[in-house]
Amino acid sequence: MTTMLPGKILIVDDDMDVLRAARLLLKRHFEHVDFERNPQKIPYLVSNFDYDVILLDMNFTRDLSSGKEGFEWLDRILDVKPQASVVLFTAYGDVEMAVRAIKAGACDFVLKPWENEKLLATMQAAYNKHRVATQKEKPVNTDGQLITGNSAAMQQVMDTVQRVAATDANILILGENGTGKDMLARHIHHLSLREKQPLVGVDLGAISETLFESELFGHVKGAFTDAREDRLGRFEEANGGTIFLDEIGNISLPFQAKLLTVLQNRSVTRVGSNKTIPIDVRLICATNRNIQQMAGQHLFRQDLLYRINTIEIQLPSLRERTEDIIPLAEHFLQLYRDKYKRPVTALHEALVQQLQQYDWPGNIRELQHAIERAVILSQGKMLMPKDVFVKSPSREQDLDTGYNLEEMERNIITQAMKKCNGNITEAARELGLSRAALYRRLEKYNL
């Protein structure tokens, strides 16, 4: 009798015959097997579903034999979920490519056409490895920790959140850059009745007007030159769950009208189609702009504003909640101390005073980056003012943010490799990384 593993598998390949064959084999051994032809859906799937193993083709229609696309998608997957277990497979493979795959962070490499026993054994090994790793480091939702605080301003925000999260009321979050609007949106979704359904985030400020309708509402095959197949929009992806529209103050009036129509009718029409598709989503929007003033100046539709701000939440800046600066700094200290395996355990009293007196124009995001940098570079058990590089508590002088985290990571990895005389295992242990993660960074920085 076949033992069914309680796993969730994703197969990504643009060949439907391959997908059917692999799924037919694997669904006899794993409880849940998803498949997807369009690699563009990978970031959404990986962000919203916890897969034990991802079986990823290395060559799609744009690139038939080099494996370049496979390595690109592998990197994207590991950026979204560093702990993901990915097995690569292709018809064009050799020993050199297999070695590259493992160095890039893949668990294993399988050639097409595969032997069923070989593929199954590889997938089961990747599954077991993933389960062991995730048991050691269970994910913790820290969104609530980052946005709550002792200040009266944040207590008022969280009181409102507790009262409205379980409803389906549309919410508009206002606040400066870096105040945690996206974290608050995730926290609201986490507390809602839709928690088990998808949360789909859309940065409207990053979508060009030519792609706006396709991204949000989807398109059908042949709708435009590059529309090679039907594609779901973000609203359909979020169906049953929550859609978070960030930077909603950035969209033009014509697209505000299109968005209003979708919200009023609770349905979308894909680009190139006349068929309406009903949607059921909870809407959360955010902006750092004065949207009420924009509406008064006819730069934002008043009727759309009424629709999106059933409940309006104003997130205070960090300088308006100084009581929360040190608890947040200590949270980031613990987070990055554990991540980078550094010896630092506390903030020096002089640093505490300086952190409280600084204005933090970049808010929580600036504080987070400052503490991360300080932890990475720290040598002792206590963070000092010089580690965080606060020049002065005055408003005239900013925190010295003239640093590049990628450059710092590159330098630290270089130092670790020198210290360990090029020994990958020892360097990975020194950096608190897996061998695969270190290989991926070595390739990324050409070290």
Protein backbone atom coordinates (compact mmCIF):
# COMPACT_ATOMS: atom_id res chain seq x y z
CA MET A 1 0.00 0.00 0.00
CA THR A 2 1.36 3.43 -0.99
CA THR A 3 2.14 5.79 1.90
CA MET A 4 0.62 9.22 1.25
CA LEU A 5 2.81 12.06 2.52
CA PRO A 6 0.98 15.15 3.90
CA GLY A 7 2.90 17.42 1.54
CA LYS A 8 2.08 20.27 -0.81
CA ILE A 9 3.91 20.12 -4.14
CA LEU A 10 4.09 22.67 -6.97
CA ILE A 11 5.10 21.68 -10.52
CA VAL A 12 5.99 24.48 -12.96
CA ASP A 13 6.46 23.60 -16.65
CA ASP A 14 5.09 25.08 -19.87
CA ASP A 15 4.57 21.60 -21.37
CA MET A 16 1.07 20.38 -20.47
CA ASP A 17 1.97 16.74 -21.17
CA VAL A 18 4.87 16.96 -18.71
CA LEU A 19 2.62 18.55 -16.09
CA ARG A 20 -0.02 15.83 -16.42
CA ALA A 21 2.52 13.01 -16.26
CA ALA A 22 4.37 14.44 -13.24
CA ARG A 23 1.14 15.23 -11.41
CA LEU A 24 -0.28 11.76 -12.11
CA LEU A 25 2.81 10.20 -10.54
CA LEU A 26 3.20 12.55 -7.57
CA LYS A 27 -0.45 12.81 -6.52
CA ARG A 28 -0.32 9.10 -5.63
CA HIS A 29 2.33 9.91 -3.02
CA PHE A 30 1.60 13.49 -1.85
CA GLU A 31 -1.71 14.80 -0.57
CA HIS A 32 -1.74 17.99 -2.62
CA VAL A 33 -0.12 18.63 -6.01
CA ASP A 34 -0.55 21.96 -7.86
CA PHE A 35 0.71 22.64 -11.36
CA GLU A 36 1.27 25.84 -13.32
CA ARG A 37 2.25 26.47 -16.96
CA ASN A 38 3.00 30.19 -16.62
CA PRO A 39 6.24 30.91 -14.71
CA GLN A 40 5.10 34.52 -14.21
CA LYS A 41 2.70 33.18 -11.56
CA ILE A 42 5.58 31.82 -9.47
CA PRO A 43 6.03 34.87 -7.15
CA TYR A 44 2.30 34.90 -6.33
CA LEU A 45 2.12 31.15 -5.70
CA VAL A 46 5.26 31.03 -3.57
CA SER A 47 4.19 34.10 -1.56
CA ASN A 48 0.69 32.84 -0.81
CA PHE A 49 1.10 29.06 -0.42
CA ASP A 50 3.52 27.00 1.65
CA TYR A 51 4.92 24.36 -0.68
CA ASP A 52 7.10 21.57 0.66
CA VAL A 53 8.80 21.06 -2.71
CA ILE A 54 8.73 23.00 -6.00
CA LEU A 55 9.53 21.02 -9.16
CA LEU A 56 10.74 23.66 -11.60
CA ASP A 57 11.49 23.35 -15.31
CA MET A 58 14.69 25.09 -16.41
CA ASN A 59 13.68 26.00 -19.95
CA PHE A 60 10.54 27.82 -20.98
CA THR A 61 9.41 29.05 -24.40
CA ARG A 62 11.69 32.12 -24.36
CA ASP A 63 14.81 30.03 -23.78
CA LEU A 64 14.74 26.45 -25.01
CA SER A 65 17.99 24.89 -23.87
CA SER A 66 20.43 27.01 -21.82
CA GLY A 67 18.64 26.74 -18.46
CA LYS A 68 19.02 30.48 -17.91
CA GLU A 69 15.32 30.99 -17.15
CA GLY A 70 15.36 28.16 -14.64
CA PHE A 71 18.21 29.76 -12.71
CA GLU A 72 16.44 33.14 -12.84
CA TRP A 73 13.21 31.67 -11.45
CA LEU A 74 15.13 29.68 -8.84
CA ASP A 75 16.70 32.92 -7.63
CA ARG A 76 13.28 34.62 -7.53
CA ILE A 77 11.82 31.75 -5.49
CA LEU A 78 14.68 31.83 -2.97
CA ASP A 79 14.37 35.60 -2.66
CA VAL A 80 10.68 35.21 -1.71
CA LYS A 81 11.13 32.03 0.38
CA PRO A 82 14.80 31.42 1.28
CA GLN A 83 13.86 28.10 2.92
CA ALA A 84 12.10 26.75 -0.21
CA SER A 85 13.08 23.27 -1.46
CA VAL A 86 13.40 23.41 -5.25
CA VAL A 87 14.10 20.49 -7.58
CA LEU A 88 15.09 21.51 -11.12
CA PHE A 89 14.43 19.38 -14.17
CA THR A 90 15.20 19.69 -17.87
CA ALA A 91 15.78 17.72 -21.04
CA TYR A 92 19.06 19.59 -21.64
CA GLY A 93 21.28 18.72 -18.71
CA ASP A 94 24.79 17.69 -17.89
CA VAL A 95 27.00 17.31 -14.85
CA GLU A 96 28.17 20.92 -15.01
CA MET A 97 24.59 22.21 -15.03
CA ALA A 98 23.69 19.94 -12.11
CA VAL A 99 26.57 21.33 -10.07
CA ARG A 100 25.50 24.89 -10.93
CA ALA A 101 21.94 24.09 -9.85
CA ILE A 102 23.04 22.84 -6.42
CA LYS A 103 25.39 25.79 -5.95
CA ALA A 104 22.54 28.16 -6.87
CA GLY A 105 20.41 26.77 -4.03
CA ALA A 106 18.44 23.90 -5.60
CA CYS A 107 17.94 20.70 -3.60
CA ASP A 108 18.47 18.42 -6.56
CA PHE A 109 18.41 18.08 -10.33
CA VAL A 110 16.42 15.60 -12.46
CA LEU A 111 16.74 14.91 -16.18
CA LYS A 112 13.84 14.44 -18.60
CA PRO A 113 12.57 11.96 -19.52
CA TRP A 114 12.67 10.87 -15.92
CA GLU A 115 12.52 7.44 -14.34
CA ASN A 116 9.49 7.40 -12.06
CA GLU A 117 11.36 5.80 -9.15
CA LYS A 118 14.21 8.31 -9.49
CA LEU A 119 11.90 11.34 -9.61
CA LEU A 120 9.82 10.07 -6.70
CA ALA A 121 12.90 9.36 -4.57
CA THR A 122 14.28 12.82 -5.32
CA MET A 123 10.99 14.53 -4.40
CA GLN A 124 10.64 12.51 -1.18
CA ALA A 125 14.19 13.38 -0.14
CA ALA A 126 13.55 17.09 -0.83
CA TYR A 127 10.28 16.84 1.11
CA ASN A 128 11.98 15.25 4.13
CA LYS A 129 14.77 17.83 4.08
CA HIS A 130 12.26 20.69 3.94
CA ARG A 131 10.16 19.28 6.80
CA VAL A 132 13.24 18.91 9.02
CA ALA A 133 14.37 22.49 8.23
CA THR A 134 10.94 24.06 8.83
CA GLN A 135 10.51 22.19 12.12
CA LYS A 136 13.74 23.83 13.31
CA GLU A 137 12.66 27.34 12.34
CA LYS A 138 8.91 27.75 12.39
CA PRO A 139 7.87 31.03 10.79
CA VAL A 140 6.69 33.71 13.17
CA ASN A 141 4.31 36.47 12.14
CA THR A 142 6.04 39.60 13.46
CA ASP A 143 3.82 42.16 11.77
CA GLY A 144 1.84 42.75 14.94
CA GLN A 145 5.02 43.17 17.00
CA LEU A 146 6.40 45.77 14.60
CA ILE A 147 3.33 47.98 14.51
CA THR A 148 2.07 47.75 18.07
CA GLY A 149 3.59 49.85 20.83
CA ASN A 150 3.11 51.51 24.19
CA SER A 151 2.40 54.97 22.81
CA ALA A 152 -1.11 56.37 23.07
CA ALA A 153 -1.14 56.98 19.30
CA MET A 154 -0.46 53.34 18.48
CA GLN A 155 -2.82 52.07 21.16
CA GLN A 156 -5.58 54.04 19.47
CA VAL A 157 -4.65 52.57 16.07
CA MET A 158 -4.63 49.02 17.39
CA ASP A 159 -7.94 49.54 19.19
CA THR A 160 -9.50 50.50 15.85
CA VAL A 161 -7.87 47.50 14.17
CA GLN A 162 -9.26 45.11 16.77
CA ARG A 163 -12.77 46.46 16.21
CA VAL A 164 -12.77 46.38 12.40
CA ALA A 165 -10.45 43.51 11.40
CA ALA A 166 -13.13 40.82 11.55
CA THR A 167 -15.52 42.85 9.39
CA ASP A 168 -15.35 43.24 5.62
CA ALA A 169 -15.20 47.03 5.84
CA ASN A 170 -12.89 48.69 3.30
CA ILE A 171 -9.91 50.29 5.04
CA LEU A 172 -7.70 53.20 3.99
CA ILE A 173 -4.33 53.43 5.78
CA LEU A 174 -2.63 56.83 5.74
CA GLY A 175 0.90 57.60 6.86
CA GLU A 176 4.39 58.70 5.89
CA ASN A 177 6.80 56.41 4.06
CA GLY A 178 8.27 53.79 6.35
CA THR A 179 5.53 53.89 9.01
CA GLY A 180 4.51 50.27 8.37
CA LYS A 181 1.36 50.60 6.24
CA ASP A 182 2.02 47.29 4.49
CA MET A 183 2.68 45.56 7.82
CA LEU A 184 -0.57 46.91 9.22
CA ALA A 185 -2.44 45.63 6.16
CA ARG A 186 -0.99 42.14 6.68
CA HIS A 187 -1.84 42.30 10.38
CA ILE A 188 -5.46 43.21 9.61
CA HIS A 189 -5.70 40.31 7.16
CA HIS A 190 -4.17 38.01 9.79
CA LEU A 191 -6.89 39.01 12.27
CA SER A 192 -9.72 38.80 9.73
CA LEU A 193 -12.12 35.98 8.90
CA ARG A 194 -10.32 35.71 5.55
CA GLU A 195 -6.98 34.78 7.12
CA LYS A 196 -6.85 31.37 5.42
CA GLN A 197 -7.48 32.92 2.00
CA PRO A 198 -4.92 34.83 -0.14
CA LEU A 199 -3.59 38.28 0.69
CA VAL A 200 -2.51 39.86 -2.61
CA GLY A 201 -0.50 43.08 -2.46
CA VAL A 202 -0.22 45.47 -5.40
CA ASP A 203 2.17 48.44 -5.50
CA LEU A 204 0.18 50.75 -7.76
CA GLY A 205 3.05 53.20 -7.90
CA ALA A 206 5.20 50.58 -9.62
CA ILE A 207 2.71 49.56 -12.35
CA SER A 208 2.92 51.40 -15.65
CA GLU A 209 -0.32 52.68 -17.14
CA THR A 210 0.05 50.35 -20.13
CA LEU A 211 -0.03 47.32 -17.80
CA PHE A 212 -2.52 48.63 -15.23
CA GLU A 213 -5.64 46.83 -16.51
CA SER A 214 -3.80 43.61 -17.34
CA GLU A 215 -2.13 43.46 -13.92
CA LEU A 216 -5.27 44.20 -11.91
CA PHE A 217 -8.02 42.68 -14.04
CA GLY A 218 -6.20 40.07 -16.14
CA HIS A 219 -6.24 39.44 -19.88
CA VAL A 220 -7.18 36.75 -22.39
CA LYS A 221 -4.94 35.13 -24.96
CA GLY A 222 -4.40 37.41 -27.95
CA ALA A 223 -5.60 40.58 -26.18
CA PHE A 224 -2.28 42.22 -27.13
CA THR A 225 1.05 41.24 -28.68
CA ASP A 226 2.60 39.46 -25.68
CA ALA A 227 -0.64 37.89 -24.40
CA ARG A 228 0.26 34.29 -25.25
CA GLU A 229 -2.29 32.81 -22.84
CA ASP A 230 -5.09 33.76 -20.47
CA ARG A 231 -3.89 35.40 -17.27
CA LEU A 232 -5.63 36.10 -13.97
CA GLY A 233 -5.45 39.65 -12.65
CA ARG A 234 -4.65 40.50 -9.05
CA PHE A 235 -8.33 40.85 -8.14
CA GLU A 236 -9.04 37.30 -9.28
CA GLU A 237 -5.94 36.04 -7.45
CA ALA A 238 -7.29 37.62 -4.26
CA ASN A 239 -10.80 36.18 -4.69
CA GLY A 240 -12.12 35.08 -1.31
CA GLY A 241 -9.32 36.92 0.47
CA THR A 242 -7.87 40.43 0.76
CA ILE A 243 -6.37 42.74 -1.85
CA PHE A 244 -3.99 45.44 -0.63
CA LEU A 245 -3.61 48.39 -3.02
CA ASP A 246 -0.54 50.32 -1.90
CA GLU A 247 0.15 53.89 -3.12
CA ILE A 248 -3.42 54.29 -4.37
CA GLY A 249 -2.92 58.06 -4.54
CA ASN A 250 -0.55 57.54 -7.49
CA ILE A 251 -3.04 56.32 -10.11
CA SER A 252 -4.43 58.60 -12.80
CA LEU A 253 -8.04 59.74 -13.04
CA PRO A 254 -8.94 57.42 -15.97
CA PHE A 255 -7.74 54.38 -14.04
CA GLN A 256 -9.43 55.62 -10.88
CA ALA A 257 -12.67 55.41 -12.89
CA LYS A 258 -11.92 51.82 -13.98
CA LEU A 259 -11.09 50.81 -10.42
CA LEU A 260 -14.30 52.40 -9.14
CA THR A 261 -16.34 50.41 -11.67
CA VAL A 262 -14.80 47.15 -10.46
CA LEU A 263 -15.48 47.99 -6.81
CA GLN A 264 -19.06 49.04 -7.50
CA ASN A 265 -19.92 46.02 -9.64
CA ARG A 266 -17.83 43.56 -7.61
CA SER A 267 -16.68 42.01 -10.86
CA VAL A 268 -13.80 42.29 -13.33
CA THR A 269 -13.57 42.00 -17.09
CA ARG A 270 -10.28 40.75 -18.44
CA VAL A 271 -8.58 42.79 -21.16
CA GLY A 272 -9.76 41.45 -24.52
CA SER A 273 -12.89 39.82 -23.14
CA ASN A 274 -16.54 40.81 -22.70
CA LYS A 275 -17.20 38.28 -19.94
CA THR A 276 -17.60 39.65 -16.41
CA ILE A 277 -16.12 37.61 -13.58
CA PRO A 278 -17.59 38.09 -10.08
CA ILE A 279 -15.10 38.77 -7.29
CA ASP A 280 -15.32 38.65 -3.51
CA VAL A 281 -12.46 40.59 -1.93
CA ARG A 282 -11.81 42.64 1.17
CA LEU A 283 -10.18 45.93 0.13
CA ILE A 284 -7.33 47.60 2.03
CA CYS A 285 -5.67 50.66 0.48
CA ALA A 286 -2.76 52.83 1.58
CA THR A 287 -1.07 56.07 0.58
CA ASN A 288 1.47 58.53 1.93
CA ARG A 289 -0.22 61.41 0.12
CA ASN A 290 -2.86 63.83 1.43
CA ILE A 291 -5.68 62.15 -0.42
CA GLN A 292 -8.41 64.37 1.03
CA GLN A 293 -6.59 67.41 -0.33
CA MET A 294 -6.16 65.66 -3.68
CA ALA A 295 -9.91 65.05 -3.81
CA GLY A 296 -10.54 68.73 -3.08
CA GLN A 297 -8.23 69.63 -5.97
CA HIS A 298 -10.02 67.13 -8.27
CA LEU A 299 -6.87 64.99 -8.52
CA PHE A 300 -8.60 62.04 -6.86
CA ARG A 301 -12.21 61.03 -7.43
CA GLN A 302 -14.40 61.83 -4.45
CA ASP A 303 -16.70 58.87 -5.17
CA LEU A 304 -13.72 56.49 -5.19
CA LEU A 305 -12.48 57.98 -1.92
CA TYR A 306 -15.90 57.32 -0.35
CA ARG A 307 -15.71 53.76 -1.59
CA ILE A 308 -12.22 52.93 -0.22
CA ASN A 309 -12.26 54.66 3.18
CA THR A 310 -15.16 53.15 5.06
CA ILE A 311 -12.64 53.05 7.89
CA GLU A 312 -9.66 55.44 7.82
CA ILE A 313 -6.56 54.69 9.90
CA GLN A 314 -3.79 57.26 10.32
CA LEU A 315 -0.45 55.67 11.21
CA PRO A 316 1.68 58.05 13.29
CA SER A 317 5.28 58.76 12.38
CA LEU A 318 8.01 57.38 14.64
CA ARG A 319 8.78 60.86 16.00
CA GLU A 320 5.13 60.98 17.21
CA ARG A 321 5.54 57.72 19.12
CA THR A 322 8.93 58.07 20.78
CA GLU A 323 7.94 55.59 23.52
CA ASP A 324 8.06 52.86 20.90
CA ILE A 325 11.53 53.57 19.49
CA ILE A 326 13.51 51.49 21.97
CA PRO A 327 11.15 48.46 22.00
CA LEU A 328 11.31 48.47 18.18
CA ALA A 329 15.09 48.81 18.20
CA GLU A 330 15.37 45.91 20.65
CA HIS A 331 13.06 43.83 18.46
CA PHE A 332 15.25 44.46 15.41
CA LEU A 333 18.38 43.78 17.48
CA GLN A 334 17.09 40.33 18.43
CA LEU A 335 15.83 39.64 14.90
CA TYR A 336 19.14 40.41 13.18
CA ARG A 337 21.30 39.01 15.95
CA ASP A 338 19.63 35.63 15.38
CA LYS A 339 19.64 35.98 11.58
CA TYR A 340 23.33 36.87 11.28
CA LYS A 341 24.53 34.89 14.33
CA ARG A 342 26.19 37.94 15.88
CA PRO A 343 27.28 38.23 19.55
CA VAL A 344 25.51 41.55 20.26
CA THR A 345 22.81 41.36 22.97
CA ALA A 346 21.97 44.90 24.12
CA LEU A 347 21.86 48.63 23.40
CA HIS A 348 24.27 50.87 25.30
CA GLU A 349 22.60 53.49 27.49
CA ALA A 350 24.16 56.32 25.45
CA LEU A 351 22.76 54.79 22.25
CA VAL A 352 19.30 54.50 23.81
CA GLN A 353 19.31 58.22 24.54
CA GLN A 354 20.51 59.07 21.05
CA LEU A 355 17.92 56.87 19.35
CA GLN A 356 15.15 58.56 21.32
CA GLN A 357 16.32 62.06 20.43
CA TYR A 358 16.76 61.45 16.70
CA ASP A 359 13.87 62.44 14.36
CA TRP A 360 13.76 59.29 12.19
CA PRO A 361 12.52 60.89 8.95
CA GLY A 362 12.45 57.40 7.40
CA ASN A 363 10.39 56.06 10.31
CA ILE A 364 10.39 52.32 11.16
CA ARG A 365 12.09 51.38 7.90
CA GLU A 366 15.02 53.69 8.65
CA LEU A 367 15.33 52.38 12.20
CA GLN A 368 15.19 48.80 10.95
CA HIS A 369 17.94 49.35 8.38
CA ALA A 370 20.09 51.22 10.90
CA ILE A 371 19.91 48.41 13.48
CA GLU A 372 20.45 45.72 10.83
CA ARG A 373 23.58 47.47 9.62
CA ALA A 374 24.85 47.96 13.16
CA VAL A 375 24.29 44.30 14.06
CA ILE A 376 26.08 43.09 10.93
CA LEU A 377 29.14 45.23 11.68
CA SER A 378 29.12 44.80 15.46
CA GLN A 379 32.11 43.20 17.19
CA GLY A 380 31.12 43.27 20.84
CA LYS A 381 28.08 42.34 22.91
CA MET A 382 26.66 45.86 23.08
CA LEU A 383 25.66 48.29 20.33
CA MET A 384 27.29 51.69 20.78
CA PRO A 385 26.32 55.07 19.24
CA LYS A 386 29.20 54.80 16.77
CA ASP A 387 27.78 51.50 15.49
CA VAL A 388 24.48 53.08 14.44
CA PHE A 389 26.22 56.18 13.05
CA VAL A 390 23.86 58.78 14.47
CA LYS A 391 25.83 61.98 13.92
CA SER A 392 23.67 64.22 16.03
CA PRO A 393 20.21 64.19 17.65
CA SER A 394 19.42 67.53 16.05
CA ARG A 395 16.93 67.92 13.20
CA GLU A 396 19.58 69.45 10.96
CA GLN A 397 21.71 66.35 10.75
CA ASP A 398 20.39 63.03 9.56
CA LEU A 399 21.34 59.49 10.34
CA ASP A 400 24.20 58.53 8.09
CA THR A 401 22.43 56.21 5.66
CA GLY A 402 25.18 56.29 3.06
CA TYR A 403 25.53 52.54 3.10
CA ASN A 404 24.64 49.73 0.75
CA LEU A 405 23.45 46.50 2.37
CA GLU A 406 24.44 44.40 -0.64
CA GLU A 407 27.97 45.83 -0.53
CA MET A 408 28.16 45.14 3.20
CA GLU A 409 26.97 41.57 2.66
CA ARG A 410 29.58 41.10 -0.07
CA ASN A 411 32.36 42.39 2.23
CA ILE A 412 31.27 40.24 5.16
CA ILE A 413 31.16 37.10 2.98
CA THR A 414 34.62 37.95 1.59
CA GLN A 415 35.98 38.33 5.14
CA ALA A 416 34.41 35.04 6.24
CA MET A 417 35.85 33.16 3.26
CA LYS A 418 39.33 34.56 3.99
CA LYS A 419 39.02 33.71 7.68
CA CYS A 420 38.00 30.12 6.82
CA ASN A 421 40.62 29.77 4.06
CA GLY A 422 37.93 29.22 1.44
CA ASN A 423 36.23 26.37 3.31
CA ILE A 424 32.55 26.66 2.31
CA THR A 425 31.21 24.62 5.23
CA GLU A 426 33.10 26.60 7.86
CA ALA A 427 32.29 29.96 6.23
CA ALA A 428 28.59 29.08 6.03
CA ARG A 429 28.60 28.13 9.72
CA GLU A 430 30.42 31.39 10.60
CA LEU A 431 27.82 33.44 8.68
CA GLY A 432 24.81 31.50 9.94
CA LEU A 433 23.90 30.39 6.41
CA SER A 434 23.29 27.06 4.76
CA ARG A 435 25.89 25.89 2.25
CA ALA A 436 23.36 26.38 -0.57
CA ALA A 437 22.60 29.93 0.57
CA LEU A 438 26.30 30.76 0.71
CA TYR A 439 26.88 29.26 -2.75
CA ARG A 440 24.05 31.42 -4.08
CA ARG A 441 25.61 34.58 -2.64
CA LEU A 442 29.08 33.68 -3.86
CA GLU A 443 27.68 33.35 -7.38
CA LYS A 444 25.64 36.53 -7.00
CA TYR A 445 28.70 38.57 -6.03
CA ASN A 446 31.12 36.71 -8.34
CA LEU A 447 33.31 35.71 -5.40
